[in-house]
Amino acid sequence: MKEVEFAESAFKHGFAQEDFFELLAGKYIKLRSQRGLAGVYELFGRSLAGEYIHVIYRGLAHEKAIRVFHMSPMTQQQTRRFKRMIRK
């Protein structure tokens, strides 16, 4: 696994580093940035507490690490999409 750095902005919505790693331990969806940003990816998944989490991160230039800069609850639309996609 790559090294993970967290920007201060990642914790703005009350999530912690542990929530990110819990998301990775379960089923999740990884997509390229929906805004078309180069090198930016989005993750959709759940914490062990069952919270639906949306994470945005960027691969760092040396490619040995990623920088998580956003973690927030999924919107209702994102949650519906996640549930549909994860069932497949």
C-alpha atoms as a PDB file:
ATOM      1  CA  MET A   1       0.000   0.000   0.000  1.00  0.00           C
ATOM      2  CA  LYS A   2       1.154   3.514  -0.743  1.00  0.00           C
ATOM      3  CA  GLU A   3       1.941   5.972   2.009  1.00  0.00           C
ATOM      4  CA  VAL A   4      -1.036   8.191   2.875  1.00  0.00           C
ATOM      5  CA  GLU A   5      -0.843  11.865   3.809  1.00  0.00           C
ATOM      6  CA  PHE A   6      -3.878  13.775   5.043  1.00  0.00           C
ATOM      7  CA  ALA A   7      -4.493  17.467   4.390  1.00  0.00           C
ATOM      8  CA  GLU A   8      -6.131  19.397   7.227  1.00  0.00           C
ATOM      9  CA  SER A   9      -9.164  19.894   4.974  1.00  0.00           C
ATOM     10  CA  ALA A  10      -9.797  16.117   4.995  1.00  0.00           C
ATOM     11  CA  PHE A  11     -11.106  16.353   8.558  1.00  0.00           C
ATOM     12  CA  LYS A  12     -13.486  19.280   7.976  1.00  0.00           C
ATOM     13  CA  HIS A  13     -16.601  17.046   8.083  1.00  0.00           C
ATOM     14  CA  GLY A  14     -15.664  15.148  11.227  1.00  0.00           C
ATOM     15  CA  PHE A  15     -14.105  12.038   9.716  1.00  0.00           C
ATOM     16  CA  ALA A  16     -10.789  10.651  10.985  1.00  0.00           C
ATOM     17  CA  GLN A  17      -7.882   8.794   9.390  1.00  0.00           C
ATOM     18  CA  GLU A  18      -9.358   5.539  10.674  1.00  0.00           C
ATOM     19  CA  ASP A  19     -12.502   6.114   8.597  1.00  0.00           C
ATOM     20  CA  PHE A  20     -10.394   6.236   5.434  1.00  0.00           C
ATOM     21  CA  PHE A  21      -8.651   2.952   6.241  1.00  0.00           C
ATOM     22  CA  GLU A  22     -11.964   1.316   7.214  1.00  0.00           C
ATOM     23  CA  LEU A  23     -13.368   2.312   3.818  1.00  0.00           C
ATOM     24  CA  LEU A  24     -10.423   0.589   2.131  1.00  0.00           C
ATOM     25  CA  ALA A  25     -10.968  -2.577   4.189  1.00  0.00           C
ATOM     26  CA  GLY A  26     -14.471  -3.042   2.748  1.00  0.00           C
ATOM     27  CA  LYS A  27     -16.105  -2.812  -0.654  1.00  0.00           C
ATOM     28  CA  TYR A  28     -15.565   0.536  -2.329  1.00  0.00           C
ATOM     29  CA  ILE A  29     -15.729   2.205  -5.719  1.00  0.00           C
ATOM     30  CA  LYS A  30     -12.817   4.168  -7.193  1.00  0.00           C
ATOM     31  CA  LEU A  31     -13.475   6.684  -9.990  1.00  0.00           C
ATOM     32  CA  ARG A  32     -11.425   9.326 -11.746  1.00  0.00           C
ATOM     33  CA  SER A  33     -12.265  12.857 -10.673  1.00  0.00           C
ATOM     34  CA  GLN A  34     -15.798  13.702 -11.766  1.00  0.00           C
ATOM     35  CA  ARG A  35     -14.540  17.247 -12.354  1.00  0.00           C
ATOM     36  CA  GLY A  36     -11.861  16.054 -14.763  1.00  0.00           C
ATOM     37  CA  LEU A  37      -8.893  16.929 -12.553  1.00  0.00           C
ATOM     38  CA  ALA A  38      -5.712  15.128 -13.631  1.00  0.00           C
ATOM     39  CA  GLY A  39      -4.306  12.706 -11.073  1.00  0.00           C
ATOM     40  CA  VAL A  40      -7.326  13.077  -8.773  1.00  0.00           C
ATOM     41  CA  TYR A  41      -9.533  10.139  -7.761  1.00  0.00           C
ATOM     42  CA  GLU A  42     -12.725   9.655  -5.779  1.00  0.00           C
ATOM     43  CA  LEU A  43     -13.580   6.771  -3.475  1.00  0.00           C
ATOM     44  CA  PHE A  44     -17.059   5.817  -2.330  1.00  0.00           C
ATOM     45  CA  GLY A  45     -17.448   3.344   0.523  1.00  0.00           C
ATOM     46  CA  ARG A  46     -18.463   2.761   4.114  1.00  0.00           C
ATOM     47  CA  SER A  47     -16.828   2.923   7.503  1.00  0.00           C
ATOM     48  CA  LEU A  48     -17.168   0.033   9.958  1.00  0.00           C
ATOM     49  CA  ALA A  49     -19.839   2.116  11.712  1.00  0.00           C
ATOM     50  CA  GLY A  50     -21.864   2.016   8.468  1.00  0.00           C
ATOM     51  CA  GLU A  51     -21.349   5.639   7.437  1.00  0.00           C
ATOM     52  CA  TYR A  52     -21.287   6.263   3.688  1.00  0.00           C
ATOM     53  CA  ILE A  53     -18.099   8.210   2.923  1.00  0.00           C
ATOM     54  CA  HIS A  54     -16.932  10.137  -0.141  1.00  0.00           C
ATOM     55  CA  VAL A  55     -13.135  10.585  -0.320  1.00  0.00           C
ATOM     56  CA  ILE A  56     -11.116  12.639  -2.792  1.00  0.00           C
ATOM     57  CA  TYR A  57      -7.365  12.186  -3.098  1.00  0.00           C
ATOM     58  CA  ARG A  58      -4.448  13.016  -5.366  1.00  0.00           C
ATOM     59  CA  GLY A  59      -1.451  10.892  -6.267  1.00  0.00           C
ATOM     60  CA  LEU A  60       1.726  12.759  -5.353  1.00  0.00           C
ATOM     61  CA  ALA A  61       4.447  13.448  -7.927  1.00  0.00           C
ATOM     62  CA  HIS A  62       6.794  10.743  -6.689  1.00  0.00           C
ATOM     63  CA  GLU A  63       3.866   8.217  -6.892  1.00  0.00           C
ATOM     64  CA  LYS A  64       4.861   6.559  -3.632  1.00  0.00           C
ATOM     65  CA  ALA A  65       2.158   8.368  -1.683  1.00  0.00           C
ATOM     66  CA  ILE A  66      -1.322   9.804  -1.965  1.00  0.00           C
ATOM     67  CA  ARG A  67      -2.732  12.926  -0.336  1.00  0.00           C
ATOM     68  CA  VAL A  68      -6.313  12.744   0.956  1.00  0.00           C
ATOM     69  CA  PHE A  69      -7.805  16.218   0.940  1.00  0.00           C
ATOM     70  CA  HIS A  70     -11.551  15.591   1.258  1.00  0.00           C
ATOM     71  CA  MET A  71     -13.735  13.184   3.262  1.00  0.00           C
ATOM     72  CA  SER A  72     -17.441  13.845   3.600  1.00  0.00           C
ATOM     73  CA  PRO A  73     -20.719  11.986   3.933  1.00  0.00           C
ATOM     74  CA  MET A  74     -22.096  10.839   0.591  1.00  0.00           C
ATOM     75  CA  THR A  75     -25.080  12.740  -0.743  1.00  0.00           C
ATOM     76  CA  GLN A  76     -28.344  10.805  -1.172  1.00  0.00           C
ATOM     77  CA  GLN A  77     -27.678  10.533  -4.897  1.00  0.00           C
ATOM     78  CA  GLN A  78     -24.137   9.228  -4.321  1.00  0.00           C
ATOM     79  CA  THR A  79     -25.423   6.714  -1.765  1.00  0.00           C
ATOM     80  CA  ARG A  80     -28.047   5.359  -4.207  1.00  0.00           C
ATOM     81  CA  ARG A  81     -25.436   5.086  -6.959  1.00  0.00           C
ATOM     82  CA  PHE A  82     -22.975   3.352  -4.632  1.00  0.00           C
ATOM     83  CA  LYS A  83     -25.593   0.798  -3.524  1.00  0.00           C
ATOM     84  CA  ARG A  84     -26.512   0.047  -7.150  1.00  0.00           C
ATOM     85  CA  MET A  85     -22.903  -0.324  -8.292  1.00  0.00           C
ATOM     86  CA  ILE A  86     -21.701  -2.390  -5.335  1.00  0.00           C
ATOM     87  CA  ARG A  87     -24.472  -4.991  -5.863  1.00  0.00           C
ATOM     88  CA  LYS A  88     -23.168  -5.847  -9.343  1.00  0.00           C
END
